[in-house]
Every structure is written in C-alpha cells, then in structure tokens.
C-alpha atoms as a PDB file:
ATOM      1  CA  MET A   1       0.000   0.000   0.000  1.00  0.00           C
ATOM      2  CA  PHE A   2       1.341   3.411  -0.918  1.00  0.00           C
ATOM      3  CA  ASP A   3       1.775   6.236   1.588  1.00  0.00           C
ATOM      4  CA  LYS A   4      -1.230   8.185   0.271  1.00  0.00           C
ATOM      5  CA  ASP A   5      -3.414   5.074   0.434  1.00  0.00           C
ATOM      6  CA  ALA A   6      -2.289   4.365   3.989  1.00  0.00           C
ATOM      7  CA  GLN A   7      -3.083   7.934   5.004  1.00  0.00           C
ATOM      8  CA  ASN A   8      -6.552   7.657   3.475  1.00  0.00           C
ATOM      9  CA  VAL A   9      -7.240   4.411   5.334  1.00  0.00           C
ATOM     10  CA  LEU A  10      -5.977   5.767   8.649  1.00  0.00           C
ATOM     11  CA  SER A  11      -8.023   8.918   8.153  1.00  0.00           C
ATOM     12  CA  LEU A  12     -11.183   6.799   7.941  1.00  0.00           C
ATOM     13  CA  VAL A  13     -10.243   5.004  11.142  1.00  0.00           C
ATOM     14  CA  ASP A  14      -9.321   8.275  12.908  1.00  0.00           C
ATOM     15  CA  ARG A  15     -12.632   9.852  11.874  1.00  0.00           C
ATOM     16  CA  GLU A  16     -14.440   6.803  13.284  1.00  0.00           C
ATOM     17  CA  ALA A  17     -16.090   6.329   9.911  1.00  0.00           C
ATOM     18  CA  VAL A  18     -16.542   2.570  10.353  1.00  0.00           C
ATOM     19  CA  SER A  19     -19.860   1.168  11.605  1.00  0.00           C
ATOM     20  CA  GLN A  20     -21.036  -2.382  12.073  1.00  0.00           C
ATOM     21  CA  LEU A  21     -24.795  -2.805  11.685  1.00  0.00           C
ATOM     22  CA  VAL A  22     -26.195  -5.903  13.389  1.00  0.00           C
ATOM     23  CA  ALA A  23     -29.747  -7.223  12.967  1.00  0.00           C
ATOM     24  CA  PRO A  24     -31.517  -9.366  15.591  1.00  0.00           C
ATOM     25  CA  SER A  25     -30.889 -12.444  13.416  1.00  0.00           C
ATOM     26  CA  GLY A  26     -27.144 -11.777  13.622  1.00  0.00           C
ATOM     27  CA  ARG A  27     -26.839 -10.649  10.016  1.00  0.00           C
ATOM     28  CA  THR A  28     -24.113  -8.056   9.884  1.00  0.00           C
ATOM     29  CA  VAL A  29     -22.961  -5.472   7.385  1.00  0.00           C
ATOM     30  CA  HIS A  30     -20.390  -2.748   7.739  1.00  0.00           C
ATOM     31  CA  GLN A  31     -20.736   0.797   6.524  1.00  0.00           C
ATOM     32  CA  VAL A  32     -17.898   3.220   5.955  1.00  0.00           C
ATOM     33  CA  VAL A  33     -18.411   6.925   5.447  1.00  0.00           C
ATOM     34  CA  GLY A  34     -15.907   7.746   2.725  1.00  0.00           C
ATOM     35  CA  SER A  35     -13.829  10.885   2.393  1.00  0.00           C
ATOM     36  CA  THR A  36     -16.523  12.442   0.162  1.00  0.00           C
ATOM     37  CA  GLY A  37     -19.299  11.684   2.657  1.00  0.00           C
ATOM     38  CA  ALA A  38     -20.688   8.797   0.621  1.00  0.00           C
ATOM     39  CA  TYR A  39     -21.708   5.646   2.476  1.00  0.00           C
ATOM     40  CA  TYR A  40     -20.168   2.356   1.358  1.00  0.00           C
ATOM     41  CA  THR A  41     -21.658  -0.989   2.292  1.00  0.00           C
ATOM     42  CA  CYS A  42     -19.156  -3.740   2.952  1.00  0.00           C
ATOM     43  CA  LEU A  43     -19.323  -7.450   3.708  1.00  0.00           C
ATOM     44  CA  ILE A  44     -16.065  -8.032   5.518  1.00  0.00           C
ATOM     45  CA  GLU A  45     -16.209 -11.847   5.644  1.00  0.00           C
ATOM     46  CA  GLU A  46     -16.646 -11.891   1.867  1.00  0.00           C
ATOM     47  CA  LEU A  47     -14.216  -8.990   1.360  1.00  0.00           C
ATOM     48  CA  TYR A  48     -16.834  -7.118  -0.670  1.00  0.00           C
ATOM     49  CA  CYS A  49     -17.402  -3.368  -1.004  1.00  0.00           C
ATOM     50  CA  ASN A  50     -19.803  -1.550  -3.303  1.00  0.00           C
ATOM     51  CA  CYS A  51     -17.276   1.185  -4.196  1.00  0.00           C
ATOM     52  CA  THR A  52     -15.908   1.755  -7.688  1.00  0.00           C
ATOM     53  CA  TYR A  53     -12.307   1.021  -6.676  1.00  0.00           C
ATOM     54  CA  TYR A  54     -13.294  -2.444  -5.481  1.00  0.00           C
ATOM     55  CA  LYS A  55     -15.158  -3.183  -8.706  1.00  0.00           C
ATOM     56  CA  ASN A  56     -12.160  -2.116 -10.796  1.00  0.00           C
ATOM     57  CA  HIS A  57      -9.389  -3.785  -8.764  1.00  0.00           C
ATOM     58  CA  ILE A  58     -10.711  -6.916  -7.048  1.00  0.00           C
ATOM     59  CA  LEU A  59      -9.568  -9.182  -9.870  1.00  0.00           C
ATOM     60  CA  GLN A  60      -6.011  -7.975  -9.205  1.00  0.00           C
ATOM     61  CA  GLY A  61      -6.444  -8.991  -5.548  1.00  0.00           C
ATOM     62  CA  GLU A  62      -6.432  -5.424  -4.237  1.00  0.00           C
ATOM     63  CA  LEU A  63      -8.658  -4.327  -1.375  1.00  0.00           C
ATOM     64  CA  CYS A  64     -10.211  -0.890  -1.255  1.00  0.00           C
ATOM     65  CA  LYS A  65      -9.549   1.572   1.560  1.00  0.00           C
ATOM     66  CA  HIS A  66     -13.006   0.889   2.999  1.00  0.00           C
ATOM     67  CA  LEU A  67     -12.310  -2.810   3.578  1.00  0.00           C
ATOM     68  CA  VAL A  68      -8.832  -2.132   4.956  1.00  0.00           C
ATOM     69  CA  SER A  69     -10.230   0.512   7.310  1.00  0.00           C
ATOM     70  CA  ILE A  70     -12.743  -2.021   8.658  1.00  0.00           C
ATOM     71  CA  LEU A  71      -9.998  -4.579   9.282  1.00  0.00           C
ATOM     72  CA  ILE A  72      -7.887  -2.013  11.141  1.00  0.00           C
ATOM     73  CA  ALA A  73     -10.805  -0.545  13.093  1.00  0.00           C
ATOM     74  CA  ARG A  74     -11.900  -4.028  14.188  1.00  0.00           C
ATOM     75  CA  SER A  75      -8.392  -4.923  15.285  1.00  0.00           C
ATOM     76  CA  ILE A  76      -8.152  -1.868  17.555  1.00  0.00           C
ATOM     77  CA  GLY A  77     -11.759  -1.929  18.774  1.00  0.00           C
ATOM     78  CA  SER A  78     -12.747   1.266  16.990  1.00  0.00           C
ATOM     79  CA  VAL A  79     -15.954   0.128  15.277  1.00  0.00           C
ATOM     80  CA  ASP A  80     -19.268   1.783  16.077  1.00  0.00           C
ATOM     81  CA  VAL A  81     -21.620  -1.191  16.590  1.00  0.00           C
ATOM     82  CA  ARG A  82     -25.277  -0.375  16.011  1.00  0.00           C
ATOM     83  CA  ARG A  83     -28.325  -2.589  16.427  1.00  0.00           C
ATOM     84  CA  VAL A  84     -30.715  -2.243  13.490  1.00  0.00           C
ATOM     85  CA  ASN A  85     -33.818  -4.071  12.352  1.00  0.00           C
ATOM     86  CA  GLU A  86     -33.898  -6.809   9.721  1.00  0.00           C
ATOM     87  CA  GLU A  87     -35.381  -4.489   7.093  1.00  0.00           C
ATOM     88  CA  GLN A  88     -32.492  -2.044   7.389  1.00  0.00           C
ATOM     89  CA  VAL A  89     -29.939  -4.808   6.841  1.00  0.00           C
ATOM     90  CA  ALA A  90     -31.962  -6.266   3.964  1.00  0.00           C
ATOM     91  CA  ARG A  91     -32.148  -2.838   2.311  1.00  0.00           C
ATOM     92  CA  LEU A  92     -28.364  -2.421   2.602  1.00  0.00           C
ATOM     93  CA  LEU A  93     -27.804  -5.881   1.160  1.00  0.00           C
ATOM     94  CA  THR A  94     -29.635  -4.881  -2.008  1.00  0.00           C
ATOM     95  CA  PHE A  95     -26.751  -2.429  -2.566  1.00  0.00           C
ATOM     96  CA  SER A  96     -29.063   0.243  -3.901  1.00  0.00           C
ATOM     97  CA  ASP A  97     -28.248   3.938  -3.521  1.00  0.00           C
ATOM     98  CA  ASP A  98     -31.671   4.789  -1.987  1.00  0.00           C
END
C-alpha cells in the first residue's frame, strides 16, 4: 500500500467512519463513510465493497480503503456497533443507492 493510500485508510479510522450494523438475526454489514461523505456498504467476511475502486481492482487482488479501514478498526476496537432491524440490513444488502 502506498503512503497516500495508507493515510486515506488511517483517516477513515481516525474519523471513526466505520460502523457495524447488526440485525436481531445476527446478520451483519459494515458501513464506511468515505472521504466524500458517501456511504459504502461492505461485507467483511466476503471482502466485498460496493465502491468503484473495489469493482475495478478486485480481480487484481487489491482491497479498497473501505475494507482495509474495517480490518484495522476491528483490530483496535474502533468500530461503532449499532443494532438495526432486519429491514435495514436487507435494504443495505440490495446495494441500492436509496
């Protein structure tokens, strides 16, 4: 990872931009508020993100800054865990922009 990329990732962690949304069933998704204020939905176990960088680079085995920020935030206990209902998680899993 290049210096600029590392700074971007650490900025997300420092800004506490990483949230874990947990439904009563245990279904979990992560959201990261990107540097532009956009929300990105991530499935960390599957190493999936709905950002453009992920879509363009996953075949090269590269992770986006959103996924890396989740991994770092989880490792240092800096994830905002929120309980949400099943419908909220289902809506996020459709990966729509609504």
